[in-house]
Amino acid sequence: MKILIYSLLFSFAIVACQPQTNDEVYKTGIDTLRIAADIETLASDRFLGRKPFTQGEQMTLDFLEKELKEIGLSPGNGDSYFQEVPLVEIDPYPADVLTVVGADGTVELKKGSEFVAFSERVAEEASIESSELVFAGFGIVAPEYNWNDYEGLDVKGKTVVVLVNDPGFGSDDPDFFKGQTMTYYGRWTYKYEEAARQGAAGILIIHDTAPAGYQWMVVKNSWTGAQLYLEKDPSDYLPAVQGWITRDAAIKIFEKSSVDMKNFVERSRKPGFKPIPLGLNASLAIKSKIKRNVSQNVIGKIQGKKNPDEVIIYTAHWDHLGIGPVVDGDSIYNGARDNATGVAALLEIAREFMRDNPEPDRSVVFLSVTAEEQGLLGSKYYAENPIYPPQQSIAVINMDAMSSVGFVKDLTVIGYGQSELEDLAAEFTEKQGRIIQPNPEPQKGYFFRSDHFQFAKIGIPAFYAEGGSIAVNGGEERAKAVNDAYNSKAYHQPADEFERATSDWQFGAIYQDATLFYQMGKKLANSELRPQWKPGSEFKSIREGK
């Protein structure tokens, strides 16, 4: 009876809230009740937050394999539904205090409230001891912008302190880097990579909510406890200590410096910036527990009948953060929106292909990847070890943290202007009575924060979009209130839970988006279309082999 009541309620909600249109685009079998049921399962407490290397992972893998078989998909990796992803788990235990010493005294930063730190070195102990601190601006080396924050600096044995984001953030010039739109140089992943290339002993990123795009709580929760990494070549250099400090902690440090650090952000934006030795030394010891294991990407496919070697790939990450710090009495990070929604939509799109289009011309692949929350590791491993050749991979359509705001009037494209896939999306968006628009917060670098990015890095046109900024009921104001509440109270926190009975979960936008993504994939799978990167995209030359 309970299931029947839910079914009626969800069916009524779709009919009542659906925008008026006579177009065939809405006459698909996308079933929001089935999507809701899969979200509820994946985000339940018994899945323990779906973290790799846990019991929750095995439950998730079993569930996904069962669903792919029931849908009727073939194994996507030879005769297997899995692709092994070798990972190393490093569980860091940094000292409670990060000590900074200078001529004017000592600063002791407190773990958790003022800094977080870890080491990617596969070693039980790592440390910096009286390591010279150098402020290196944004920590960027970008020849195409004639920019080098490390110019003239030998950082071997030293610890660099760098700003989050890139110099374009906060400027009025859209051609300075990309203005408010974050480049890859603004991502924390890049800053750690560059510090390693420079041979730094340590790197500390200064967190600031506006340029980072998330609060300190997200940093603290994301970097507390065991972290997963892809196995690296033992010869690859890594800093001994990597971490974050709050802006207030950075100011504390700078106040002890022998140099004037006033207006340090503004100074860092000016062309010709030179790194600044601070006259301070930092010390921190980290002990780590090491565990190696193998996680899994999950992959199923529909074999194409005409051009089976050409593939359309749908992606969504199945993992979340597992069990972590207690917040309001709850320690299970369920990841309902992030990303049980995307996995549930991927499964339903696969069902729709089998119902409506079971023999497409091209093959269609459904890939649920692991360890996205640990740095896009599952998709990175796939990109480095592709099952299907990148040149034969026509497009990737990624689904991550889909909107629960209800029916919407828009489709927001993350990384607008990158590829012709957005033109294909616009064709179907218009038929749904929606507008297509760029991400209104390009400074947050969302294009680099989900799995499609790893496919873009090897040249495959990759698409990531969602409806959610203009609600049919309540407009921009209500959509913003719902999204702001999620970002402040639930994103990467235990509160990201699914409850059928609350008004916080409305499925109109998920229905619209899943329908759109299915229509895009169906057209790509039954045509000769080969979407390209647009001029100015940093990925165009990769696709074209230049």
Protein backbone atom coordinates (compact mmCIF):
# COMPACT_ATOMS: atom_id res chain seq x y z
CA MET A 1 0.00 0.00 0.00
CA LYS A 2 2.83 2.42 0.87
CA ILE A 3 4.49 1.82 -2.49
CA LEU A 4 1.17 2.29 -4.29
CA ILE A 5 0.55 5.60 -2.53
CA TYR A 6 4.05 6.83 -3.42
CA SER A 7 3.47 5.74 -7.01
CA LEU A 8 0.26 7.71 -7.24
CA LEU A 9 1.80 10.77 -5.59
CA PHE A 10 4.82 10.80 -7.88
CA SER A 11 2.70 10.22 -10.99
CA PHE A 12 0.35 13.04 -9.99
CA ALA A 13 3.29 15.37 -9.31
CA ILE A 14 4.74 14.78 -12.77
CA VAL A 15 1.41 15.39 -14.51
CA ALA A 16 0.50 18.41 -12.39
CA CYS A 17 3.84 20.19 -12.60
CA GLN A 18 4.87 19.31 -16.15
CA PRO A 19 5.26 22.37 -18.41
CA GLN A 20 2.68 22.46 -21.19
CA THR A 21 4.03 21.16 -24.50
CA ASN A 22 2.69 19.11 -27.36
CA ASP A 23 6.10 17.96 -28.48
CA GLU A 24 6.95 14.28 -28.67
CA VAL A 25 9.99 14.91 -26.49
CA TYR A 26 8.02 14.21 -23.31
CA LYS A 27 6.59 10.95 -24.61
CA THR A 28 9.38 8.79 -23.31
CA GLY A 29 9.23 6.09 -20.71
CA ILE A 30 11.55 7.80 -18.22
CA ASP A 31 10.11 6.76 -14.88
CA THR A 32 10.76 9.08 -11.95
CA LEU A 33 9.27 6.60 -9.52
CA ARG A 34 11.93 4.06 -10.51
CA ILE A 35 14.62 6.76 -10.28
CA ALA A 36 13.36 7.68 -6.80
CA ALA A 37 13.44 4.04 -5.71
CA ASP A 38 17.05 3.64 -6.87
CA ILE A 39 18.10 6.86 -5.13
CA GLU A 40 16.42 5.68 -1.95
CA THR A 41 18.28 2.36 -2.12
CA LEU A 42 21.72 3.77 -2.92
CA ALA A 43 21.43 6.54 -0.31
CA SER A 44 20.13 4.33 2.47
CA ASP A 45 22.14 3.94 5.66
CA ARG A 46 22.77 0.26 4.94
CA PHE A 47 25.01 1.28 2.00
CA LEU A 48 27.22 3.12 4.54
CA GLY A 49 27.92 6.12 2.32
CA ARG A 50 29.25 4.03 -0.62
CA LYS A 51 32.92 4.65 0.05
CA PRO A 52 35.45 2.50 -1.82
CA PHE A 53 37.25 -0.17 0.23
CA THR A 54 34.27 -0.57 2.57
CA GLN A 55 31.33 -2.93 2.93
CA GLY A 56 29.29 -0.14 1.35
CA GLU A 57 31.32 -0.48 -1.84
CA GLN A 58 30.60 -4.19 -2.18
CA MET A 59 26.88 -3.61 -1.62
CA THR A 60 26.90 -0.91 -4.30
CA LEU A 61 28.77 -3.09 -6.80
CA ASP A 62 26.40 -5.99 -6.21
CA PHE A 63 23.39 -3.72 -6.68
CA LEU A 64 24.72 -2.18 -9.90
CA GLU A 65 25.72 -5.50 -11.47
CA LYS A 66 22.30 -6.92 -10.64
CA GLU A 67 20.56 -3.91 -12.19
CA LEU A 68 22.66 -4.00 -15.39
CA LYS A 69 21.85 -7.68 -15.86
CA GLU A 70 18.15 -7.15 -15.20
CA ILE A 71 18.06 -4.26 -17.66
CA GLY A 72 19.61 -6.55 -20.26
CA LEU A 73 22.92 -4.80 -20.83
CA SER A 74 25.93 -6.79 -21.97
CA PRO A 75 29.17 -6.71 -19.95
CA GLY A 76 31.07 -3.59 -20.95
CA ASN A 77 34.63 -4.86 -20.40
CA GLY A 78 34.97 -8.05 -22.37
CA ASP A 79 32.95 -10.59 -20.43
CA SER A 80 32.97 -8.52 -17.23
CA TYR A 81 30.78 -5.74 -15.85
CA PHE A 82 33.80 -4.36 -13.97
CA GLN A 83 37.06 -2.57 -14.61
CA GLU A 84 39.57 -2.95 -11.80
CA VAL A 85 40.96 0.34 -10.44
CA PRO A 86 44.09 -0.23 -8.29
CA LEU A 87 44.14 2.27 -5.47
CA VAL A 88 46.16 2.95 -2.38
CA GLU A 89 44.40 4.15 0.76
CA ILE A 90 46.39 6.55 2.94
CA ASP A 91 44.87 7.31 6.32
CA PRO A 92 46.76 10.36 7.64
CA TYR A 93 47.22 11.34 11.27
CA PRO A 94 48.82 14.79 11.25
CA ALA A 95 50.04 16.32 14.48
CA ASP A 96 47.47 18.46 16.27
CA VAL A 97 49.50 21.61 15.68
CA LEU A 98 51.19 23.09 12.61
CA THR A 99 54.01 25.21 13.99
CA VAL A 100 55.33 28.31 12.22
CA VAL A 101 58.37 30.06 13.70
CA GLY A 102 59.82 33.47 12.86
CA ALA A 103 61.89 36.25 14.39
CA ASP A 104 58.74 37.85 15.82
CA GLY A 105 57.42 34.73 17.50
CA THR A 106 55.59 31.47 16.91
CA VAL A 107 52.20 30.66 15.42
CA GLU A 108 50.52 27.36 16.30
CA LEU A 109 47.66 26.45 14.00
CA LYS A 110 45.06 23.98 15.24
CA LYS A 111 44.16 20.91 13.22
CA GLY A 112 40.65 20.98 11.83
CA SER A 113 39.71 24.54 12.70
CA GLU A 114 42.74 26.19 11.06
CA PHE A 115 44.45 23.59 8.91
CA VAL A 116 44.07 20.16 7.36
CA ALA A 117 47.04 18.20 6.08
CA PHE A 118 47.93 14.86 4.54
CA SER A 119 50.67 13.20 2.54
CA GLU A 120 50.32 11.36 -0.75
CA ARG A 121 53.62 9.62 -0.13
CA VAL A 122 53.08 5.91 0.38
CA ALA A 123 55.00 5.94 3.65
CA GLU A 124 54.11 5.57 7.30
CA GLU A 125 55.83 8.84 8.23
CA ALA A 126 56.29 12.14 6.41
CA SER A 127 57.14 15.60 7.68
CA ILE A 128 58.45 19.06 7.08
CA GLU A 129 60.94 20.27 9.68
CA SER A 130 61.82 23.96 9.86
CA SER A 131 60.87 24.20 6.19
CA GLU A 132 61.20 27.71 4.78
CA LEU A 133 57.82 29.23 3.88
CA VAL A 134 57.46 31.02 0.56
CA PHE A 135 54.34 32.77 -0.67
CA ALA A 136 53.97 31.79 -4.34
CA GLY A 137 50.86 33.71 -5.30
CA PHE A 138 48.44 31.40 -7.09
CA GLY A 139 51.05 28.67 -7.57
CA ILE A 140 50.61 28.75 -11.34
CA VAL A 141 52.92 28.20 -14.31
CA ALA A 142 50.91 29.08 -17.44
CA PRO A 143 53.07 29.83 -20.50
CA GLU A 144 50.05 30.70 -22.65
CA TYR A 145 49.30 33.55 -20.24
CA ASN A 146 52.96 34.47 -19.81
CA TRP A 147 52.57 33.66 -16.13
CA ASN A 148 54.99 31.94 -13.74
CA ASP A 149 54.50 32.27 -9.99
CA TYR A 150 57.59 30.11 -9.41
CA GLU A 151 59.93 32.15 -11.60
CA GLY A 152 63.42 32.33 -10.12
CA LEU A 153 62.40 30.20 -7.14
CA ASP A 154 64.05 26.97 -6.05
CA VAL A 155 61.52 25.35 -3.71
CA LYS A 156 63.40 22.17 -2.90
CA GLY A 157 63.11 21.70 0.87
CA LYS A 158 60.68 24.63 1.08
CA THR A 159 56.94 24.88 1.66
CA VAL A 160 54.89 27.06 -0.65
CA VAL A 161 51.76 28.90 0.45
CA VAL A 162 49.38 29.60 -2.44
CA LEU A 163 45.96 31.08 -3.11
CA VAL A 164 42.96 29.11 -4.31
CA ASN A 165 41.50 29.83 -7.79
CA ASP A 166 43.42 31.86 -10.41
CA PRO A 167 44.31 35.52 -11.03
CA GLY A 168 41.25 36.11 -13.23
CA PHE A 169 38.86 35.73 -10.30
CA GLY A 170 37.75 39.16 -9.12
CA SER A 171 39.07 40.96 -12.19
CA ASP A 172 36.94 42.87 -14.69
CA ASP A 173 38.82 41.52 -17.70
CA PRO A 174 37.29 38.37 -19.28
CA ASP A 175 40.52 37.86 -21.25
CA PHE A 176 42.73 37.81 -18.14
CA PHE A 177 42.99 34.07 -17.75
CA LYS A 178 39.23 33.58 -18.29
CA GLY A 179 38.01 36.32 -15.99
CA GLN A 180 35.46 34.99 -13.53
CA THR A 181 35.49 31.59 -15.22
CA MET A 182 37.93 29.36 -13.37
CA THR A 183 40.63 27.73 -15.47
CA TYR A 184 42.19 24.42 -14.54
CA TYR A 185 45.05 26.46 -13.04
CA GLY A 186 42.61 27.48 -10.30
CA ARG A 187 41.86 23.95 -9.11
CA TRP A 188 43.53 22.54 -6.01
CA THR A 189 44.47 19.42 -7.97
CA TYR A 190 46.57 21.52 -10.34
CA LYS A 191 48.27 23.39 -7.50
CA TYR A 192 49.37 20.15 -5.84
CA GLU A 193 50.57 18.80 -9.19
CA GLU A 194 52.59 21.94 -9.92
CA ALA A 195 54.15 21.99 -6.46
CA ALA A 196 55.26 18.41 -7.06
CA ARG A 197 56.75 19.34 -10.44
CA GLN A 198 58.63 22.17 -8.74
CA GLY A 199 60.00 19.80 -6.08
CA ALA A 200 58.42 21.55 -3.08
CA ALA A 201 58.68 19.85 0.30
CA GLY A 202 55.21 21.09 1.21
CA ILE A 203 52.27 23.08 -0.10
CA LEU A 204 49.47 24.84 1.79
CA ILE A 205 46.49 26.28 -0.09
CA ILE A 206 44.77 29.29 1.47
CA HIS A 207 41.04 28.63 1.59
CA ASP A 208 38.59 31.45 0.96
CA THR A 209 34.92 30.62 0.43
CA ALA A 210 34.17 32.91 -2.52
CA PRO A 211 37.05 31.92 -4.84
CA ALA A 212 36.99 28.28 -3.68
CA GLY A 213 33.27 27.89 -4.24
CA TYR A 214 32.69 25.99 -1.00
CA GLN A 215 32.98 26.52 2.73
CA TRP A 216 35.79 25.46 5.07
CA MET A 217 33.52 22.71 6.41
CA VAL A 218 33.69 21.03 2.99
CA VAL A 219 37.49 21.13 3.04
CA LYS A 220 37.61 19.82 6.59
CA ASN A 221 35.17 16.95 5.94
CA SER A 222 36.67 16.01 2.57
CA TRP A 223 40.27 15.80 3.82
CA THR A 224 39.68 14.24 7.22
CA GLY A 225 40.23 10.50 7.36
CA ALA A 226 41.44 7.98 4.81
CA GLN A 227 42.02 9.19 1.26
CA LEU A 228 42.34 7.16 -1.92
CA TYR A 229 44.86 7.67 -4.69
CA LEU A 230 45.81 5.91 -7.89
CA GLU A 231 49.00 3.93 -7.55
CA LYS A 232 51.89 6.07 -8.80
CA ASP A 233 55.27 5.17 -10.16
CA PRO A 234 57.68 5.04 -7.19
CA SER A 235 59.98 7.43 -9.04
CA ASP A 236 57.31 10.16 -9.15
CA TYR A 237 58.12 12.97 -6.72
CA LEU A 238 55.47 14.09 -4.23
CA PRO A 239 55.63 16.78 -1.53
CA ALA A 240 55.93 15.42 2.00
CA VAL A 241 52.99 17.55 3.19
CA GLN A 242 49.97 18.85 1.31
CA GLY A 243 47.16 20.74 2.92
CA TRP A 244 44.89 23.72 3.38
CA ILE A 245 44.83 26.61 5.81
CA THR A 246 42.02 29.07 6.49
CA ARG A 247 42.34 32.66 5.36
CA ASP A 248 42.46 33.77 9.00
CA ALA A 249 45.28 31.30 9.64
CA ALA A 250 47.17 32.68 6.64
CA ILE A 251 46.83 36.20 8.02
CA LYS A 252 48.18 34.99 11.37
CA ILE A 253 51.22 33.61 9.56
CA PHE A 254 51.73 36.72 7.45
CA GLU A 255 51.59 38.94 10.54
CA LYS A 256 54.68 37.10 11.85
CA SER A 257 56.52 37.56 8.55
CA SER A 258 59.50 39.85 8.22
CA VAL A 259 58.00 41.27 5.00
CA ASP A 260 54.92 43.38 4.40
CA MET A 261 52.10 41.08 3.26
CA LYS A 262 49.31 43.64 3.07
CA ASN A 263 47.01 43.24 0.06
CA PHE A 264 48.59 39.86 -0.72
CA VAL A 265 45.70 38.79 -2.99
CA GLU A 266 45.75 41.94 -5.09
CA ARG A 267 49.54 41.81 -5.40
CA SER A 268 49.33 38.21 -6.60
CA ARG A 269 47.04 39.18 -9.49
CA LYS A 270 49.49 41.61 -11.03
CA PRO A 271 51.50 40.41 -14.03
CA GLY A 272 55.14 40.01 -13.10
CA PHE A 273 54.38 38.82 -9.55
CA LYS A 274 57.47 37.35 -7.88
CA PRO A 275 57.38 34.76 -5.09
CA ILE A 276 57.94 36.16 -1.59
CA PRO A 277 60.13 34.41 1.01
CA LEU A 278 58.34 35.00 4.31
CA GLY A 279 61.25 34.65 6.71
CA LEU A 280 59.35 31.90 8.51
CA ASN A 281 59.83 28.15 8.99
CA ALA A 282 57.09 25.53 9.29
CA SER A 283 57.08 22.12 10.94
CA LEU A 284 54.51 19.34 10.83
CA ALA A 285 54.71 15.58 11.18
CA ILE A 286 52.22 13.16 9.64
CA LYS A 287 51.86 9.48 10.41
CA SER A 288 49.86 7.39 7.95
CA LYS A 289 48.30 3.96 7.74
CA ILE A 290 48.71 2.41 4.30
CA LYS A 291 46.38 -0.05 2.63
CA ARG A 292 46.32 -1.20 -0.97
CA ASN A 293 43.23 -2.55 -2.61
CA VAL A 294 41.30 -2.61 -5.85
CA SER A 295 38.08 -0.71 -6.44
CA GLN A 296 35.83 -1.11 -9.47
CA ASN A 297 34.31 0.91 -12.25
CA VAL A 298 31.02 -0.68 -13.30
CA ILE A 299 30.28 -0.86 -17.02
CA GLY A 300 27.53 -2.24 -19.23
CA LYS A 301 26.74 -1.67 -22.88
CA ILE A 302 24.26 -2.02 -25.72
CA GLN A 303 26.09 -3.31 -28.80
CA GLY A 304 25.59 -1.19 -31.91
CA LYS A 305 24.42 -3.01 -35.03
CA LYS A 306 25.93 -0.77 -37.73
CA ASN A 307 29.00 0.90 -36.19
CA PRO A 308 29.60 -1.11 -33.01
CA ASP A 309 33.15 0.21 -32.52
CA GLU A 310 31.85 3.77 -32.12
CA VAL A 311 30.50 4.45 -28.64
CA ILE A 312 28.37 6.96 -26.77
CA ILE A 313 29.29 6.93 -23.07
CA TYR A 314 27.02 7.86 -20.18
CA THR A 315 28.85 8.40 -16.87
CA ALA A 316 27.97 8.89 -13.22
CA HIS A 317 30.05 8.24 -10.11
CA TRP A 318 28.67 5.69 -7.66
CA ASP A 319 30.84 6.57 -4.65
CA HIS A 320 30.48 9.02 -1.78
CA LEU A 321 32.33 9.74 1.48
CA GLY A 322 31.33 6.79 3.66
CA ILE A 323 31.38 7.27 7.42
CA GLY A 324 33.02 10.46 8.68
CA PRO A 325 32.92 13.15 11.36
CA VAL A 326 29.65 13.32 13.29
CA VAL A 327 27.42 16.25 12.35
CA ASP A 328 24.16 16.72 14.27
CA GLY A 329 24.37 13.17 15.57
CA ASP A 330 24.85 11.54 12.15
CA SER A 331 28.10 10.10 10.76
CA ILE A 332 26.89 8.43 7.53
CA TYR A 333 27.54 10.57 4.46
CA ASN A 334 24.74 9.10 2.34
CA GLY A 335 25.31 11.12 -0.85
CA ALA A 336 21.69 11.11 -2.01
CA ARG A 337 21.97 14.01 -4.43
CA ASP A 338 25.73 13.52 -4.80
CA ASN A 339 25.49 11.15 -6.60
CA ALA A 340 22.76 8.59 -6.14
CA THR A 341 20.73 10.85 -8.45
CA GLY A 342 23.17 10.50 -11.33
CA VAL A 343 23.50 6.72 -10.98
CA ALA A 344 19.73 6.30 -10.76
CA ALA A 345 19.26 8.43 -13.89
CA LEU A 346 21.95 6.45 -15.73
CA LEU A 347 20.16 3.19 -14.92
CA GLU A 348 16.81 4.59 -16.06
CA ILE A 349 18.28 5.89 -19.33
CA ALA A 350 19.68 2.40 -19.92
CA ARG A 351 16.19 0.97 -19.35
CA GLU A 352 14.73 3.47 -21.80
CA PHE A 353 17.24 2.46 -24.47
CA MET A 354 16.25 -1.17 -23.98
CA ARG A 355 12.55 -0.30 -24.12
CA ASP A 356 12.67 2.13 -27.02
CA ASN A 357 15.92 1.69 -28.94
CA PRO A 358 17.48 -1.69 -28.18
CA GLU A 359 19.50 -1.91 -31.43
CA PRO A 360 21.16 1.48 -32.02
CA ASP A 361 23.61 1.96 -34.88
CA ARG A 362 26.44 2.83 -32.51
CA SER A 363 27.19 1.16 -29.20
CA VAL A 364 25.98 2.85 -26.01
CA VAL A 365 28.04 2.42 -22.84
CA PHE A 366 26.87 3.01 -19.26
CA LEU A 367 29.82 3.65 -16.96
CA SER A 368 29.51 4.11 -13.19
CA VAL A 369 32.90 5.14 -11.90
CA THR A 370 34.54 4.87 -8.51
CA ALA A 371 36.40 7.35 -6.31
CA GLU A 372 35.14 10.60 -7.82
CA GLU A 373 35.06 12.14 -4.37
CA GLN A 374 38.75 11.33 -3.93
CA GLY A 375 39.80 13.31 -7.01
CA LEU A 376 38.00 11.82 -10.04
CA LEU A 377 40.11 8.68 -9.70
CA GLY A 378 37.85 6.12 -11.35
CA SER A 379 37.35 8.24 -14.45
CA LYS A 380 41.03 9.16 -14.44
CA TYR A 381 41.97 5.50 -14.42
CA TYR A 382 39.56 4.80 -17.27
CA ALA A 383 40.98 7.73 -19.25
CA GLU A 384 44.50 6.36 -18.76
CA ASN A 385 43.34 2.80 -19.53
CA PRO A 386 40.38 3.25 -21.90
CA ILE A 387 38.31 0.20 -22.75
CA TYR A 388 37.07 1.96 -25.89
CA PRO A 389 39.58 4.00 -27.96
CA PRO A 390 39.16 7.75 -27.39
CA GLN A 391 38.98 8.50 -31.12
CA GLN A 392 36.08 6.04 -31.42
CA SER A 393 34.33 7.54 -28.38
CA ILE A 394 31.88 9.98 -29.93
CA ALA A 395 30.77 11.76 -26.76
CA VAL A 396 30.48 11.51 -22.98
CA ILE A 397 27.33 12.63 -21.17
CA ASN A 398 27.94 12.98 -17.43
CA MET A 399 25.37 13.11 -14.62
CA ASP A 400 26.33 14.35 -11.17
CA ALA A 401 24.27 15.79 -8.30
CA MET A 402 21.06 16.32 -10.26
CA SER A 403 18.60 18.98 -9.13
CA SER A 404 15.74 18.21 -6.74
CA VAL A 405 14.05 21.59 -7.18
CA GLY A 406 11.22 20.31 -9.41
CA PHE A 407 10.40 21.33 -12.97
CA VAL A 408 12.61 24.11 -14.28
CA LYS A 409 12.71 26.53 -17.19
CA ASP A 410 16.43 26.27 -17.87
CA LEU A 411 19.32 23.97 -18.62
CA THR A 412 22.61 25.19 -17.21
CA VAL A 413 25.67 23.98 -19.13
CA ILE A 414 28.84 23.60 -17.11
CA GLY A 415 31.73 24.75 -19.29
CA TYR A 416 29.48 26.55 -21.76
CA GLY A 417 31.22 27.24 -25.06
CA GLN A 418 33.42 24.15 -24.96
CA SER A 419 31.82 21.73 -27.44
CA GLU A 420 29.12 21.24 -30.05
CA LEU A 421 27.31 18.92 -27.66
CA GLU A 422 25.69 22.01 -26.14
CA ASP A 423 24.21 22.79 -29.59
CA LEU A 424 22.69 19.32 -29.71
CA ALA A 425 21.37 19.84 -26.18
CA ALA A 426 19.85 23.17 -27.21
CA GLU A 427 17.83 21.41 -29.92
CA PHE A 428 16.06 19.21 -27.38
CA THR A 429 15.98 21.81 -24.61
CA GLU A 430 13.98 24.12 -26.87
CA LYS A 431 11.49 21.34 -27.54
CA GLN A 432 11.03 21.01 -23.79
CA GLY A 433 10.20 24.70 -23.55
CA ARG A 434 13.43 25.46 -21.68
CA ILE A 435 16.25 27.91 -22.26
CA ILE A 436 19.90 26.91 -22.30
CA GLN A 437 22.38 29.07 -20.45
CA PRO A 438 25.98 29.15 -19.17
CA ASN A 439 26.79 28.28 -15.60
CA PRO A 440 26.14 31.48 -13.61
CA GLU A 441 29.04 30.67 -11.26
CA PRO A 442 31.94 29.88 -13.62
CA GLN A 443 34.39 31.04 -10.96
CA LYS A 444 33.73 27.85 -8.98
CA GLY A 445 35.32 25.68 -11.66
CA TYR A 446 32.58 23.06 -11.81
CA PHE A 447 33.83 21.90 -15.22
CA PHE A 448 36.92 20.51 -13.50
CA ARG A 449 35.05 18.98 -10.56
CA SER A 450 33.26 16.02 -12.10
CA ASP A 451 34.18 12.97 -14.15
CA HIS A 452 33.56 14.36 -17.64
CA PHE A 453 36.75 16.40 -17.17
CA GLN A 454 38.96 13.32 -17.28
CA PHE A 455 37.45 12.39 -20.65
CA ALA A 456 37.92 15.95 -21.91
CA LYS A 457 41.61 15.71 -20.98
CA ILE A 458 42.02 12.90 -23.53
CA GLY A 459 40.05 14.78 -26.18
CA ILE A 460 36.60 13.17 -25.98
CA PRO A 461 33.82 15.80 -26.27
CA ALA A 462 32.23 15.75 -22.83
CA PHE A 463 28.96 17.27 -21.67
CA TYR A 464 27.83 18.14 -18.15
CA ALA A 465 24.65 20.12 -17.53
CA GLU A 466 21.62 20.29 -15.28
CA GLY A 467 18.39 22.17 -14.88
CA GLY A 468 17.90 23.96 -11.64
CA SER A 469 18.31 27.74 -11.57
CA ILE A 470 14.80 28.84 -12.66
CA ALA A 471 12.03 26.80 -11.04
CA VAL A 472 8.65 26.59 -12.76
CA ASN A 473 7.12 27.07 -9.34
CA GLY A 474 8.89 29.92 -7.57
CA GLY A 475 11.30 31.08 -10.27
CA GLU A 476 14.92 31.98 -9.61
CA GLU A 477 14.25 32.91 -5.99
CA ARG A 478 12.99 29.48 -4.96
CA ALA A 479 15.61 27.63 -7.01
CA LYS A 480 18.36 29.67 -5.40
CA ALA A 481 16.96 29.04 -1.93
CA VAL A 482 16.85 25.27 -2.50
CA ASN A 483 20.33 25.14 -4.03
CA ASP A 484 21.87 27.44 -1.41
CA ALA A 485 20.38 25.31 1.37
CA TYR A 486 21.83 22.17 -0.17
CA ASN A 487 25.28 23.71 -0.64
CA SER A 488 25.45 25.11 2.88
CA LYS A 489 23.78 22.31 4.83
CA ALA A 490 24.06 19.08 2.86
CA TYR A 491 26.88 19.09 0.29
CA HIS A 492 29.52 16.60 1.53
CA GLN A 493 27.71 16.37 4.82
CA PRO A 494 25.50 13.68 6.43
CA ALA A 495 22.44 15.80 5.65
CA ASP A 496 22.63 14.79 1.97
CA GLU A 497 19.88 12.24 2.52
CA PHE A 498 16.79 11.18 0.60
CA GLU A 499 13.32 11.41 2.11
CA ARG A 500 10.36 10.72 -0.12
CA ALA A 501 7.91 12.52 2.14
CA THR A 502 9.59 15.94 2.15
CA SER A 503 9.11 18.80 -0.27
CA ASP A 504 12.90 19.02 -0.64
CA TRP A 505 12.76 16.22 -3.22
CA GLN A 506 10.83 17.07 -6.39
CA PHE A 507 11.66 15.17 -9.56
CA GLY A 508 10.63 17.45 -12.41
CA ALA A 509 14.16 18.62 -13.28
CA ILE A 510 15.55 15.09 -13.00
CA TYR A 511 12.79 13.93 -15.37
CA GLN A 512 13.52 16.76 -17.82
CA ASP A 513 17.27 16.19 -17.72
CA ALA A 514 17.13 12.40 -17.97
CA THR A 515 14.78 12.75 -20.92
CA LEU A 516 17.10 15.27 -22.56
CA PHE A 517 20.20 13.13 -22.03
CA TYR A 518 18.40 10.11 -23.44
CA GLN A 519 17.30 12.07 -26.51
CA MET A 520 20.84 13.37 -27.05
CA GLY A 521 22.31 9.88 -26.78
CA LYS A 522 19.65 8.37 -29.00
CA LYS A 523 20.36 10.86 -31.78
CA LEU A 524 24.12 10.37 -31.47
CA ALA A 525 23.71 6.59 -31.44
CA ASN A 526 21.63 6.57 -34.63
CA SER A 527 23.43 9.11 -36.82
CA GLU A 528 26.83 9.97 -38.25
CA LEU A 529 27.17 13.02 -36.00
CA ARG A 530 30.62 13.58 -34.50
CA PRO A 531 30.43 16.62 -32.19
CA GLN A 532 33.65 18.61 -31.99
CA TRP A 533 35.30 20.91 -29.50
CA LYS A 534 34.69 24.54 -30.31
CA PRO A 535 37.44 27.01 -31.27
CA GLY A 536 39.13 28.30 -28.14
CA SER A 537 38.62 25.10 -26.18
CA GLU A 538 41.81 23.85 -24.56
CA PHE A 539 40.75 20.30 -25.52
CA LYS A 540 40.34 20.88 -29.26
CA SER A 541 44.01 20.29 -30.09
CA ILE A 542 43.99 17.01 -28.14
CA ARG A 543 41.08 15.66 -30.19
CA GLU A 544 42.70 16.77 -33.41
CA GLY A 545 46.06 15.29 -32.44
CA LYS A 546 47.92 18.58 -32.59
